[in-house]
Amino acid sequence: LFSEKKKSLEGKRFLVTAGATIEPIDPVRYISNHSSGKMGYAIAEALVQRGAEVTLVSGRTALDKPEGVERVDVLSAEEMYEACVERFQQMDGAVMCAAVADYTPAVVADEKLKKSDSDMSIALKRTKDIAAALGAQKGSRVLVGFAMETQNERENAQSKLQRKNFDFIVLNSLRKEGAGFRGDTNIVSLIDSREKVDLPLMSKSDVAEHIVDKIESFL
């Protein structure tokens, strides 16, 4: 039972990012993705249940704030970047679970863009890499990343682990039934510099427990 769980992370502070970012095109339209935020919220909850102080930097989601968690609401990748960089120094670790847009419109129109008879293209620019920014200043903090891959999963995840200075990475495969966005279950692999552990299909709250177990092993 959760009530009997040992408070093994008492006195520790964690930053968790969750949900999708929203990149505005004009006052009406935006670019986003299918992330529901469920995985990040489950991780925030699992950390709090072990006694940690948790700041949840969340994109727009339909989920209720987990009890005992401080939630910081953001919309765009830029807002999420600012919120994370500002708070990371005070943390013992961070879990980067949000689905952050890699690109954002280069220009946001002040007025609603009108439809015309011709096609339209939107110029996009790169967003700031939040995980890499935290990885560059992580010191002895624990930093956990997520990778959502559809091809060359392991190679791409290993490369991301090194480039962003993660302690370990949670690899989601979109190709497996029961994994990925919106659902209440997930199938993940936990990859660090030494090993890859493949977890079977389980609820996102059980996946969160495995992730927090592994975080504890790094502290």
N, C-alpha and C. Protein backbone atom coordinates (compact mmCIF):
# COMPACT_ATOMS: atom_id res chain seq x y z
N LEU A 1 0.83 -1.20 0.00
CA LEU A 1 0.00 0.00 0.00
C LEU A 1 0.87 1.25 0.00
N PHE A 2 0.42 2.28 -0.77
CA PHE A 2 1.21 3.50 -0.86
C PHE A 2 1.40 4.15 0.50
N SER A 3 0.37 4.07 1.37
CA SER A 3 0.46 4.73 2.67
C SER A 3 1.61 4.15 3.51
N GLU A 4 1.96 2.90 3.20
CA GLU A 4 3.02 2.25 3.98
C GLU A 4 4.40 2.38 3.31
N LYS A 5 4.43 3.02 2.17
CA LYS A 5 5.68 3.14 1.43
C LYS A 5 6.71 3.93 2.23
N LYS A 6 7.94 3.46 2.24
CA LYS A 6 8.95 4.18 3.01
C LYS A 6 9.24 5.52 2.34
N LYS A 7 9.48 6.52 3.16
CA LYS A 7 9.73 7.86 2.64
C LYS A 7 11.22 7.98 2.31
N SER A 8 11.64 7.19 1.33
CA SER A 8 13.07 7.06 1.03
C SER A 8 13.65 8.30 0.33
N LEU A 9 12.77 9.20 -0.14
CA LEU A 9 13.28 10.39 -0.84
C LEU A 9 12.99 11.67 -0.06
N GLU A 10 12.74 11.53 1.24
CA GLU A 10 12.49 12.69 2.08
C GLU A 10 13.68 13.65 1.99
N GLY A 11 13.37 14.94 1.84
CA GLY A 11 14.44 15.94 1.77
C GLY A 11 15.01 16.14 0.37
N LYS A 12 14.59 15.30 -0.58
CA LYS A 12 15.06 15.44 -1.97
C LYS A 12 14.06 16.26 -2.77
N ARG A 13 14.59 17.00 -3.75
CA ARG A 13 13.71 17.85 -4.58
C ARG A 13 13.86 17.46 -6.05
N PHE A 14 12.75 17.32 -6.72
CA PHE A 14 12.78 16.91 -8.13
C PHE A 14 11.94 17.81 -9.01
N LEU A 15 12.42 17.98 -10.21
CA LEU A 15 11.71 18.67 -11.27
C LEU A 15 11.21 17.60 -12.24
N VAL A 16 9.93 17.64 -12.60
CA VAL A 16 9.39 16.71 -13.59
C VAL A 16 8.68 17.53 -14.66
N THR A 17 8.96 17.24 -15.93
CA THR A 17 8.21 17.89 -17.01
C THR A 17 7.21 16.89 -17.59
N ALA A 18 6.05 17.39 -18.02
CA ALA A 18 5.00 16.49 -18.50
C ALA A 18 4.13 17.19 -19.54
N GLY A 19 3.54 16.37 -20.40
CA GLY A 19 2.56 16.89 -21.36
C GLY A 19 3.20 17.44 -22.63
N ALA A 20 2.35 17.96 -23.48
CA ALA A 20 2.78 18.51 -24.77
C ALA A 20 2.97 20.01 -24.68
N THR A 21 3.86 20.55 -25.49
CA THR A 21 3.91 22.01 -25.62
C THR A 21 3.02 22.43 -26.79
N ILE A 22 2.65 23.69 -26.77
CA ILE A 22 1.78 24.28 -27.79
C ILE A 22 2.53 25.44 -28.43
N GLU A 23 2.72 25.38 -29.73
CA GLU A 23 3.50 26.41 -30.45
C GLU A 23 2.55 27.21 -31.34
N PRO A 24 2.28 28.47 -30.99
CA PRO A 24 1.25 29.22 -31.72
C PRO A 24 1.66 29.59 -33.16
N ILE A 25 0.68 29.50 -34.05
CA ILE A 25 0.84 29.94 -35.44
C ILE A 25 0.21 31.33 -35.59
N ASP A 26 -0.98 31.47 -35.00
CA ASP A 26 -1.70 32.75 -34.96
C ASP A 26 -2.57 32.71 -33.71
N PRO A 27 -3.43 33.68 -33.44
CA PRO A 27 -4.20 33.65 -32.19
C PRO A 27 -5.14 32.45 -32.05
N VAL A 28 -5.37 31.72 -33.14
CA VAL A 28 -6.36 30.65 -33.14
C VAL A 28 -5.72 29.26 -33.25
N ARG A 29 -4.66 29.15 -34.02
CA ARG A 29 -4.11 27.84 -34.37
C ARG A 29 -2.74 27.61 -33.71
N TYR A 30 -2.41 26.32 -33.54
CA TYR A 30 -1.10 25.99 -32.98
C TYR A 30 -0.62 24.64 -33.47
N ILE A 31 0.67 24.36 -33.24
CA ILE A 31 1.27 23.06 -33.53
C ILE A 31 1.47 22.36 -32.19
N SER A 32 1.08 21.09 -32.10
CA SER A 32 1.27 20.36 -30.85
C SER A 32 1.46 18.88 -31.15
N ASN A 33 1.27 18.01 -30.16
CA ASN A 33 1.39 16.56 -30.37
C ASN A 33 0.40 15.84 -29.45
N HIS A 34 0.43 14.51 -29.48
CA HIS A 34 -0.61 13.72 -28.81
C HIS A 34 -0.33 13.41 -27.35
N SER A 35 0.71 13.95 -26.75
CA SER A 35 1.03 13.60 -25.37
C SER A 35 -0.09 14.03 -24.41
N SER A 36 -0.50 13.10 -23.53
CA SER A 36 -1.57 13.39 -22.57
C SER A 36 -1.01 13.91 -21.24
N GLY A 37 0.28 13.67 -20.99
CA GLY A 37 0.88 14.04 -19.71
C GLY A 37 0.78 12.95 -18.65
N LYS A 38 0.09 11.84 -18.96
CA LYS A 38 -0.17 10.80 -17.94
C LYS A 38 1.11 10.21 -17.36
N MET A 39 2.11 9.97 -18.19
CA MET A 39 3.34 9.34 -17.70
C MET A 39 4.08 10.28 -16.73
N GLY A 40 4.21 11.53 -17.11
CA GLY A 40 4.90 12.50 -16.26
C GLY A 40 4.18 12.72 -14.94
N TYR A 41 2.85 12.77 -14.99
CA TYR A 41 2.07 12.96 -13.77
C TYR A 41 2.22 11.75 -12.85
N ALA A 42 2.28 10.54 -13.44
CA ALA A 42 2.46 9.32 -12.63
C ALA A 42 3.83 9.34 -11.94
N ILE A 43 4.85 9.84 -12.63
CA ILE A 43 6.20 9.93 -12.04
C ILE A 43 6.21 10.95 -10.90
N ALA A 44 5.58 12.10 -11.12
CA ALA A 44 5.50 13.12 -10.07
C ALA A 44 4.83 12.54 -8.83
N GLU A 45 3.77 11.79 -9.04
CA GLU A 45 3.03 11.19 -7.93
C GLU A 45 3.89 10.15 -7.19
N ALA A 46 4.59 9.32 -7.95
CA ALA A 46 5.44 8.29 -7.33
C ALA A 46 6.55 8.92 -6.50
N LEU A 47 7.12 10.01 -6.97
CA LEU A 47 8.18 10.71 -6.22
C LEU A 47 7.64 11.30 -4.92
N VAL A 48 6.47 11.94 -5.00
CA VAL A 48 5.86 12.54 -3.81
C VAL A 48 5.53 11.47 -2.77
N GLN A 49 5.05 10.31 -3.24
CA GLN A 49 4.67 9.24 -2.32
C GLN A 49 5.88 8.70 -1.56
N ARG A 50 7.08 8.93 -2.11
CA ARG A 50 8.29 8.51 -1.39
C ARG A 50 8.91 9.66 -0.60
N GLY A 51 8.17 10.76 -0.49
CA GLY A 51 8.61 11.83 0.39
C GLY A 51 9.33 12.98 -0.28
N ALA A 52 9.51 12.92 -1.61
CA ALA A 52 10.24 14.00 -2.30
C ALA A 52 9.36 15.24 -2.46
N GLU A 53 10.02 16.38 -2.59
CA GLU A 53 9.33 17.62 -2.99
C GLU A 53 9.38 17.68 -4.50
N VAL A 54 8.26 17.86 -5.14
CA VAL A 54 8.21 17.79 -6.61
C VAL A 54 7.62 19.05 -7.21
N THR A 55 8.34 19.60 -8.18
CA THR A 55 7.82 20.69 -9.01
C THR A 55 7.52 20.10 -10.38
N LEU A 56 6.26 20.15 -10.78
CA LEU A 56 5.82 19.58 -12.05
C LEU A 56 5.61 20.71 -13.04
N VAL A 57 6.45 20.78 -14.06
CA VAL A 57 6.31 21.79 -15.11
C VAL A 57 5.48 21.14 -16.22
N SER A 58 4.25 21.61 -16.36
CA SER A 58 3.27 20.89 -17.18
C SER A 58 2.75 21.72 -18.34
N GLY A 59 2.73 21.08 -19.51
CA GLY A 59 2.00 21.64 -20.64
C GLY A 59 0.51 21.49 -20.38
N ARG A 60 -0.32 21.97 -21.30
CA ARG A 60 -1.77 21.89 -21.11
C ARG A 60 -2.22 20.43 -21.11
N THR A 61 -3.01 20.08 -20.11
CA THR A 61 -3.46 18.69 -19.98
C THR A 61 -4.82 18.67 -19.31
N ALA A 62 -5.54 17.55 -19.45
CA ALA A 62 -6.85 17.40 -18.81
C ALA A 62 -6.71 16.78 -17.42
N LEU A 63 -5.48 16.54 -16.96
CA LEU A 63 -5.26 15.81 -15.71
C LEU A 63 -5.32 16.73 -14.49
N ASP A 64 -5.77 16.16 -13.37
CA ASP A 64 -5.76 16.90 -12.11
C ASP A 64 -4.34 16.93 -11.54
N LYS A 65 -4.03 17.99 -10.83
CA LYS A 65 -2.72 18.10 -10.19
C LYS A 65 -2.58 17.02 -9.13
N PRO A 66 -1.49 16.22 -9.17
CA PRO A 66 -1.31 15.22 -8.10
C PRO A 66 -1.17 15.90 -6.74
N GLU A 67 -1.71 15.27 -5.73
CA GLU A 67 -1.66 15.83 -4.38
C GLU A 67 -0.22 16.01 -3.92
N GLY A 68 0.06 17.15 -3.30
CA GLY A 68 1.39 17.37 -2.74
C GLY A 68 2.43 17.85 -3.74
N VAL A 69 2.02 18.07 -4.99
CA VAL A 69 2.94 18.50 -6.04
C VAL A 69 2.75 19.99 -6.32
N GLU A 70 3.84 20.71 -6.53
CA GLU A 70 3.74 22.10 -6.99
C GLU A 70 3.71 22.07 -8.51
N ARG A 71 2.64 22.57 -9.12
CA ARG A 71 2.56 22.54 -10.58
C ARG A 71 2.78 23.93 -11.16
N VAL A 72 3.64 23.98 -12.17
CA VAL A 72 3.89 25.23 -12.90
C VAL A 72 3.33 25.02 -14.30
N ASP A 73 2.30 25.78 -14.66
CA ASP A 73 1.66 25.60 -15.97
C ASP A 73 2.37 26.44 -17.04
N VAL A 74 2.71 25.79 -18.13
CA VAL A 74 3.33 26.48 -19.27
C VAL A 74 2.60 26.06 -20.54
N LEU A 75 2.83 26.80 -21.62
CA LEU A 75 2.25 26.41 -22.90
C LEU A 75 3.34 26.04 -23.90
N SER A 76 4.21 26.99 -24.21
CA SER A 76 5.18 26.78 -25.30
C SER A 76 6.48 26.13 -24.80
N ALA A 77 7.27 25.66 -25.76
CA ALA A 77 8.59 25.10 -25.45
C ALA A 77 9.47 26.16 -24.79
N GLU A 78 9.37 27.40 -25.24
CA GLU A 78 10.15 28.49 -24.66
C GLU A 78 9.79 28.70 -23.19
N GLU A 79 8.49 28.68 -22.88
CA GLU A 79 8.05 28.84 -21.48
C GLU A 79 8.54 27.67 -20.62
N MET A 80 8.51 26.47 -21.18
CA MET A 80 8.98 25.30 -20.43
C MET A 80 10.48 25.39 -20.19
N TYR A 81 11.21 25.84 -21.19
CA TYR A 81 12.67 26.03 -21.06
C TYR A 81 12.97 26.99 -19.90
N GLU A 82 12.31 28.15 -19.91
CA GLU A 82 12.55 29.17 -18.87
C GLU A 82 12.23 28.60 -17.48
N ALA A 83 11.10 27.92 -17.36
CA ALA A 83 10.67 27.39 -16.07
C ALA A 83 11.66 26.35 -15.53
N CYS A 84 12.19 25.52 -16.43
CA CYS A 84 13.11 24.45 -16.00
C CYS A 84 14.49 24.99 -15.66
N VAL A 85 15.02 25.83 -16.50
CA VAL A 85 16.38 26.36 -16.28
C VAL A 85 16.42 27.18 -14.98
N GLU A 86 15.33 27.91 -14.74
CA GLU A 86 15.24 28.75 -13.53
C GLU A 86 15.26 27.91 -12.24
N ARG A 87 14.68 26.70 -12.31
CA ARG A 87 14.49 25.91 -11.08
C ARG A 87 15.51 24.78 -10.88
N PHE A 88 16.20 24.38 -11.92
CA PHE A 88 17.02 23.16 -11.87
C PHE A 88 18.13 23.21 -10.82
N GLN A 89 18.71 24.39 -10.62
CA GLN A 89 19.82 24.52 -9.67
C GLN A 89 19.42 24.11 -8.25
N GLN A 90 18.15 24.29 -7.89
CA GLN A 90 17.69 23.98 -6.53
C GLN A 90 17.28 22.51 -6.37
N MET A 91 17.41 21.72 -7.43
CA MET A 91 16.89 20.35 -7.43
C MET A 91 17.99 19.31 -7.19
N ASP A 92 17.55 18.12 -6.76
CA ASP A 92 18.46 16.96 -6.67
C ASP A 92 18.39 16.13 -7.95
N GLY A 93 17.37 16.38 -8.75
CA GLY A 93 17.25 15.63 -9.99
C GLY A 93 16.08 16.13 -10.82
N ALA A 94 16.03 15.66 -12.07
CA ALA A 94 14.94 16.06 -12.97
C ALA A 94 14.59 14.89 -13.89
N VAL A 95 13.30 14.78 -14.19
CA VAL A 95 12.80 13.76 -15.12
C VAL A 95 12.13 14.49 -16.27
N MET A 96 12.72 14.36 -17.46
CA MET A 96 12.26 15.12 -18.63
C MET A 96 11.27 14.27 -19.43
N CYS A 97 10.01 14.31 -19.00
CA CYS A 97 9.00 13.43 -19.60
C CYS A 97 8.12 14.14 -20.62
N ALA A 98 8.16 15.48 -20.65
CA ALA A 98 7.29 16.23 -21.56
C ALA A 98 7.64 15.96 -23.02
N ALA A 99 6.62 16.06 -23.87
CA ALA A 99 6.83 15.97 -25.32
C ALA A 99 6.97 17.40 -25.84
N VAL A 100 8.21 17.86 -25.90
CA VAL A 100 8.48 19.26 -26.24
C VAL A 100 8.66 19.38 -27.75
N ALA A 101 8.02 20.40 -28.33
CA ALA A 101 8.16 20.62 -29.78
C ALA A 101 9.62 20.89 -30.14
N ASP A 102 10.12 20.25 -31.19
CA ASP A 102 11.48 20.52 -31.68
C ASP A 102 11.52 21.78 -32.51
N TYR A 103 10.37 22.14 -33.09
CA TYR A 103 10.29 23.32 -33.96
C TYR A 103 9.08 24.17 -33.57
N THR A 104 9.22 25.47 -33.80
CA THR A 104 8.12 26.39 -33.51
C THR A 104 8.03 27.40 -34.66
N PRO A 105 6.85 27.93 -34.95
CA PRO A 105 6.77 28.90 -36.06
C PRO A 105 7.74 30.07 -35.86
N ALA A 106 8.45 30.42 -36.92
CA ALA A 106 9.44 31.49 -36.86
C ALA A 106 8.77 32.84 -36.61
N VAL A 107 7.56 33.00 -37.12
CA VAL A 107 6.80 34.24 -36.91
C VAL A 107 5.38 33.85 -36.48
N VAL A 108 4.89 34.48 -35.43
CA VAL A 108 3.51 34.24 -34.99
C VAL A 108 2.67 35.41 -35.48
N ALA A 109 1.63 35.10 -36.25
CA ALA A 109 0.78 36.17 -36.81
C ALA A 109 -0.07 36.80 -35.70
N ASP A 110 -0.22 38.13 -35.75
CA ASP A 110 -1.04 38.85 -34.76
C ASP A 110 -2.53 38.61 -34.97
N GLU A 111 -2.89 38.44 -36.22
CA GLU A 111 -4.30 38.23 -36.57
C GLU A 111 -4.46 36.82 -37.14
N LYS A 112 -5.69 36.31 -37.10
CA LYS A 112 -5.96 34.99 -37.67
C LYS A 112 -5.61 34.98 -39.15
N LEU A 113 -4.83 33.99 -39.57
CA LEU A 113 -4.45 33.88 -40.98
C LEU A 113 -5.67 33.49 -41.81
N LYS A 114 -5.94 34.24 -42.87
CA LYS A 114 -7.12 33.99 -43.68
C LYS A 114 -6.83 32.91 -44.72
N LYS A 115 -7.83 32.13 -45.01
CA LYS A 115 -7.72 31.09 -46.02
C LYS A 115 -7.68 31.73 -47.40
N SER A 116 -6.84 31.18 -48.29
CA SER A 116 -6.83 31.66 -49.68
C SER A 116 -6.93 30.44 -50.60
N ASP A 117 -6.93 30.68 -51.90
CA ASP A 117 -7.07 29.56 -52.84
C ASP A 117 -5.76 28.80 -53.04
N SER A 118 -4.66 29.40 -52.63
CA SER A 118 -3.36 28.74 -52.84
C SER A 118 -2.92 28.00 -51.56
N ASP A 119 -1.87 27.18 -51.71
CA ASP A 119 -1.32 26.48 -50.54
C ASP A 119 -0.56 27.47 -49.66
N MET A 120 -0.29 27.04 -48.45
CA MET A 120 0.44 27.91 -47.53
C MET A 120 1.57 27.11 -46.88
N SER A 121 2.69 27.75 -46.66
CA SER A 121 3.75 27.07 -45.90
C SER A 121 4.09 27.94 -44.69
N ILE A 122 4.53 27.27 -43.62
CA ILE A 122 4.87 27.98 -42.39
C ILE A 122 6.35 27.75 -42.12
N ALA A 123 7.11 28.82 -41.99
CA ALA A 123 8.54 28.68 -41.66
C ALA A 123 8.67 28.31 -40.18
N LEU A 124 9.49 27.30 -39.90
CA LEU A 124 9.70 26.84 -38.52
C LEU A 124 11.15 27.06 -38.11
N LYS A 125 11.37 27.34 -36.84
CA LYS A 125 12.74 27.44 -36.31
C LYS A 125 12.89 26.45 -35.16
N ARG A 126 14.12 26.07 -34.86
CA ARG A 126 14.39 25.13 -33.78
C ARG A 126 14.02 25.75 -32.43
N THR A 127 13.49 24.93 -31.53
CA THR A 127 13.29 25.39 -30.16
C THR A 127 14.56 25.11 -29.36
N LYS A 128 14.68 25.72 -28.17
CA LYS A 128 15.83 25.46 -27.32
C LYS A 128 15.72 24.04 -26.75
N ASP A 129 16.84 23.37 -26.63
CA ASP A 129 16.87 21.99 -26.13
C ASP A 129 16.94 22.02 -24.60
N ILE A 130 15.82 21.77 -23.95
CA ILE A 130 15.74 21.88 -22.49
C ILE A 130 16.64 20.84 -21.81
N ALA A 131 16.53 19.59 -22.27
CA ALA A 131 17.29 18.51 -21.63
C ALA A 131 18.80 18.76 -21.76
N ALA A 132 19.24 19.21 -22.93
CA ALA A 132 20.67 19.47 -23.13
C ALA A 132 21.14 20.62 -22.24
N ALA A 133 20.29 21.63 -22.07
CA ALA A 133 20.65 22.77 -21.22
C ALA A 133 20.82 22.31 -19.77
N LEU A 134 19.93 21.44 -19.30
CA LEU A 134 20.06 20.93 -17.93
C LEU A 134 21.25 19.97 -17.82
N GLY A 135 21.45 19.17 -18.85
CA GLY A 135 22.58 18.23 -18.87
C GLY A 135 23.91 18.94 -18.76
N ALA A 136 24.00 20.14 -19.34
CA ALA A 136 25.26 20.91 -19.32
C ALA A 136 25.57 21.45 -17.94
N GLN A 137 24.57 21.56 -17.07
CA GLN A 137 24.81 22.12 -15.73
C GLN A 137 24.41 21.15 -14.63
N LYS A 138 24.40 19.83 -14.95
CA LYS A 138 23.79 18.90 -14.00
C LYS A 138 24.64 18.59 -12.78
N GLY A 139 25.96 18.63 -12.89
CA GLY A 139 26.78 18.31 -11.73
C GLY A 139 26.45 16.93 -11.20
N SER A 140 26.16 16.82 -9.90
CA SER A 140 25.88 15.50 -9.31
C SER A 140 24.39 15.17 -9.30
N ARG A 141 23.57 16.00 -9.93
CA ARG A 141 22.12 15.74 -9.96
C ARG A 141 21.81 14.54 -10.86
N VAL A 142 20.69 13.91 -10.59
CA VAL A 142 20.22 12.80 -11.44
C VAL A 142 19.36 13.40 -12.55
N LEU A 143 19.66 13.03 -13.78
CA LEU A 143 18.89 13.54 -14.92
C LEU A 143 18.39 12.37 -15.76
N VAL A 144 17.07 12.31 -15.90
CA VAL A 144 16.42 11.21 -16.61
C VAL A 144 15.75 11.75 -17.86
N GLY A 145 15.98 11.09 -18.99
CA GLY A 145 15.36 11.52 -20.24
C GLY A 145 14.37 10.50 -20.76
N PHE A 146 13.58 10.92 -21.72
CA PHE A 146 12.65 10.02 -22.41
C PHE A 146 12.96 10.06 -23.90
N ALA A 147 12.79 8.94 -24.55
CA ALA A 147 12.95 8.89 -26.01
C ALA A 147 11.73 8.17 -26.58
N MET A 148 11.09 8.78 -27.53
CA MET A 148 9.97 8.16 -28.24
C MET A 148 10.44 7.92 -29.66
N GLU A 149 10.70 6.67 -30.00
CA GLU A 149 11.31 6.37 -31.30
C GLU A 149 10.41 5.45 -32.11
N THR A 150 10.52 5.56 -33.44
CA THR A 150 9.79 4.64 -34.31
C THR A 150 10.75 3.80 -35.16
N GLN A 151 12.04 4.14 -35.12
CA GLN A 151 13.03 3.33 -35.85
C GLN A 151 14.40 3.46 -35.17
N ASN A 152 15.25 2.44 -35.34
CA ASN A 152 16.58 2.41 -34.69
C ASN A 152 16.49 2.84 -33.23
N GLU A 153 15.50 2.26 -32.54
CA GLU A 153 15.18 2.74 -31.20
C GLU A 153 16.39 2.78 -30.28
N ARG A 154 17.07 1.64 -30.17
CA ARG A 154 18.14 1.55 -29.18
C ARG A 154 19.31 2.48 -29.52
N GLU A 155 19.71 2.49 -30.79
CA GLU A 155 20.84 3.35 -31.20
C GLU A 155 20.53 4.82 -30.93
N ASN A 156 19.30 5.23 -31.30
CA ASN A 156 18.92 6.63 -31.10
C ASN A 156 18.87 6.99 -29.62
N ALA A 157 18.37 6.06 -28.80
CA ALA A 157 18.28 6.32 -27.36
C ALA A 157 19.67 6.40 -26.74
N GLN A 158 20.57 5.48 -27.14
CA GLN A 158 21.95 5.49 -26.61
C GLN A 158 22.66 6.79 -26.96
N SER A 159 22.44 7.24 -28.18
CA SER A 159 23.07 8.48 -28.65
C SER A 159 22.55 9.67 -27.83
N LYS A 160 21.24 9.67 -27.57
CA LYS A 160 20.62 10.74 -26.80
C LYS A 160 21.14 10.74 -25.35
N LEU A 161 21.32 9.55 -24.80
CA LEU A 161 21.85 9.39 -23.44
C LEU A 161 23.18 10.13 -23.29
N GLN A 162 24.07 9.94 -24.26
CA GLN A 162 25.40 10.55 -24.18
C GLN A 162 25.36 12.04 -24.51
N ARG A 163 24.65 12.40 -25.57
CA ARG A 163 24.64 13.80 -26.01
C ARG A 163 24.07 14.72 -24.94
N LYS A 164 23.07 14.25 -24.22
CA LYS A 164 22.36 15.13 -23.28
C LYS A 164 22.79 14.92 -21.84
N ASN A 165 23.75 14.02 -21.63
CA ASN A 165 24.31 13.81 -20.28
C ASN A 165 23.27 13.26 -19.31
N PHE A 166 22.40 12.36 -19.82
CA PHE A 166 21.41 11.72 -18.95
C PHE A 166 22.08 10.61 -18.14
N ASP A 167 21.56 10.33 -16.94
CA ASP A 167 21.99 9.15 -16.19
C ASP A 167 21.34 7.90 -16.76
N PHE A 168 20.07 8.03 -17.10
CA PHE A 168 19.43 6.94 -17.85
C PHE A 168 18.29 7.51 -18.67
N ILE A 169 17.84 6.71 -19.60
CA ILE A 169 16.80 7.16 -20.53
C ILE A 169 15.69 6.12 -20.55
N VAL A 170 14.46 6.59 -20.65
CA VAL A 170 13.30 5.71 -20.73
C VAL A 170 12.88 5.69 -22.20
N LEU A 171 12.98 4.52 -22.81
CA LEU A 171 12.68 4.39 -24.23
C LEU A 171 11.26 3.86 -24.42
N ASN A 172 10.45 4.64 -25.10
CA ASN A 172 9.08 4.26 -25.47
C ASN A 172 9.11 3.81 -26.92
N SER A 173 8.50 2.69 -27.22
CA SER A 173 8.34 2.33 -28.63
C SER A 173 6.89 2.54 -29.02
N LEU A 174 6.68 3.29 -30.09
CA LEU A 174 5.31 3.52 -30.56
C LEU A 174 4.76 2.30 -31.30
N ARG A 175 5.64 1.33 -31.59
CA ARG A 175 5.21 0.23 -32.45
C ARG A 175 4.55 -0.91 -31.68
N LYS A 176 4.61 -0.84 -30.35
CA LYS A 176 4.06 -1.94 -29.56
C LYS A 176 2.65 -1.61 -29.08
N GLU A 177 1.79 -2.60 -29.15
CA GLU A 177 0.41 -2.45 -28.66
C GLU A 177 0.42 -2.15 -27.16
N GLY A 178 -0.29 -1.09 -26.76
CA GLY A 178 -0.36 -0.77 -25.34
C GLY A 178 0.69 0.24 -24.89
N ALA A 179 1.56 0.68 -25.82
CA ALA A 179 2.59 1.65 -25.46
C ALA A 179 2.22 3.02 -26.02
N GLY A 180 2.91 4.05 -25.51
CA GLY A 180 2.82 5.36 -26.15
C GLY A 180 1.78 6.29 -25.56
N PHE A 181 1.25 7.16 -26.43
CA PHE A 181 0.43 8.29 -26.01
C PHE A 181 -0.96 7.90 -25.49
N ARG A 182 -1.47 8.74 -24.61
CA ARG A 182 -2.89 8.77 -24.22
C ARG A 182 -3.38 7.59 -23.38
N GLY A 183 -2.87 6.37 -23.61
CA GLY A 183 -3.38 5.21 -22.87
C GLY A 183 -2.94 5.22 -21.41
N ASP A 184 -3.44 4.23 -20.66
CA ASP A 184 -3.08 4.12 -19.23
C ASP A 184 -1.97 3.10 -19.01
N THR A 185 -1.54 2.43 -20.09
CA THR A 185 -0.44 1.46 -19.97
C THR A 185 0.75 1.94 -20.80
N ASN A 186 1.88 1.28 -20.58
CA ASN A 186 3.07 1.63 -21.35
C ASN A 186 4.01 0.42 -21.39
N ILE A 187 4.86 0.38 -22.41
CA ILE A 187 5.92 -0.61 -22.50
C ILE A 187 7.21 0.18 -22.72
N VAL A 188 8.12 0.10 -21.78
CA VAL A 188 9.35 0.90 -21.89
C VAL A 188 10.57 0.04 -21.64
N SER A 189 11.72 0.57 -22.05
CA SER A 189 13.03 0.02 -21.68
C SER A 189 13.78 1.10 -20.93
N LEU A 190 14.50 0.71 -19.89
CA LEU A 190 15.34 1.64 -19.13
C LEU A 190 16.78 1.40 -19.55
N ILE A 191 17.41 2.44 -20.09
CA ILE A 191 18.75 2.29 -20.66
C ILE A 191 19.72 3.23 -19.95
N ASP A 192 20.81 2.67 -19.40
CA ASP A 192 21.88 3.52 -18.90
C ASP A 192 23.17 3.12 -19.60
N SER A 193 24.30 3.61 -19.12
CA SER A 193 25.55 3.35 -19.84
C SER A 193 25.97 1.88 -19.73
N ARG A 194 25.38 1.14 -18.80
CA ARG A 194 25.79 -0.25 -18.59
C ARG A 194 24.81 -1.28 -19.13
N GLU A 195 23.51 -0.98 -19.07
CA GLU A 195 22.53 -2.03 -19.39
C GLU A 195 21.24 -1.46 -19.97
N LYS A 196 20.47 -2.39 -20.55
CA LYS A 196 19.12 -2.06 -21.05
C LYS A 196 18.17 -3.06 -20.42
N VAL A 197 17.19 -2.55 -19.68
CA VAL A 197 16.19 -3.41 -19.03
C VAL A 197 14.86 -3.19 -19.72
N ASP A 198 14.32 -4.27 -20.31
CA ASP A 198 13.03 -4.19 -20.99
C ASP A 198 11.93 -4.55 -20.00
N LEU A 199 11.01 -3.63 -19.77
CA LEU A 199 9.88 -3.90 -18.87
C LEU A 199 8.69 -4.40 -19.69
N PRO A 200 7.89 -5.30 -19.13
CA PRO A 200 6.70 -5.76 -19.86
C PRO A 200 5.59 -4.71 -19.84
N LEU A 201 4.51 -4.98 -20.53
CA LEU A 201 3.34 -4.10 -20.51
C LEU A 201 2.85 -3.94 -19.07
N MET A 202 2.68 -2.70 -18.62
CA MET A 202 2.15 -2.45 -17.27
C MET A 202 1.51 -1.08 -17.24
N SER A 203 0.83 -0.78 -16.14
CA SER A 203 0.20 0.52 -16.01
C SER A 203 1.27 1.61 -15.93
N LYS A 204 0.90 2.82 -16.31
CA LYS A 204 1.87 3.93 -16.24
C LYS A 204 2.30 4.20 -14.80
N SER A 205 1.40 3.93 -13.83
CA SER A 205 1.81 4.14 -12.44
C SER A 205 2.85 3.10 -12.01
N ASP A 206 2.75 1.87 -12.52
CA ASP A 206 3.77 0.86 -12.21
C ASP A 206 5.09 1.17 -12.93
N VAL A 207 5.00 1.67 -14.16
CA VAL A 207 6.22 2.10 -14.87
C VAL A 207 6.91 3.20 -14.05
N ALA A 208 6.10 4.13 -13.52
CA ALA A 208 6.65 5.23 -12.71
C ALA A 208 7.41 4.69 -11.50
N GLU A 209 6.89 3.64 -10.86
CA GLU A 209 7.57 3.05 -9.69
C GLU A 209 8.95 2.50 -10.10
N HIS A 210 9.01 1.83 -11.25
CA HIS A 210 10.31 1.31 -11.73
C HIS A 210 11.29 2.45 -12.01
N ILE A 211 10.78 3.53 -12.60
CA ILE A 211 11.65 4.69 -12.91
C ILE A 211 12.18 5.29 -11.62
N VAL A 212 11.31 5.43 -10.61
CA VAL A 212 11.74 6.03 -9.34
C VAL A 212 12.69 5.10 -8.59
N ASP A 213 12.48 3.79 -8.69
CA ASP A 213 13.45 2.82 -8.12
C ASP A 213 14.83 3.08 -8.71
N LYS A 214 14.86 3.26 -10.03
CA LYS A 214 16.16 3.45 -10.70
C LYS A 214 16.77 4.80 -10.33
N ILE A 215 15.94 5.83 -10.18
CA ILE A 215 16.45 7.13 -9.72
C ILE A 215 17.14 6.96 -8.36
N GLU A 216 16.48 6.21 -7.46
CA GLU A 216 17.06 6.00 -6.12
C GLU A 216 18.43 5.32 -6.21
N SER A 217 18.59 4.41 -7.17
CA SER A 217 19.87 3.71 -7.30
C SER A 217 21.00 4.65 -7.72
N PHE A 218 20.66 5.79 -8.32
CA PHE A 218 21.68 6.77 -8.74
C PHE A 218 21.98 7.80 -7.67
N LEU A 219 21.13 7.88 -6.64
CA LEU A 219 21.33 8.95 -5.63
C LEU A 219 22.41 8.55 -4.62
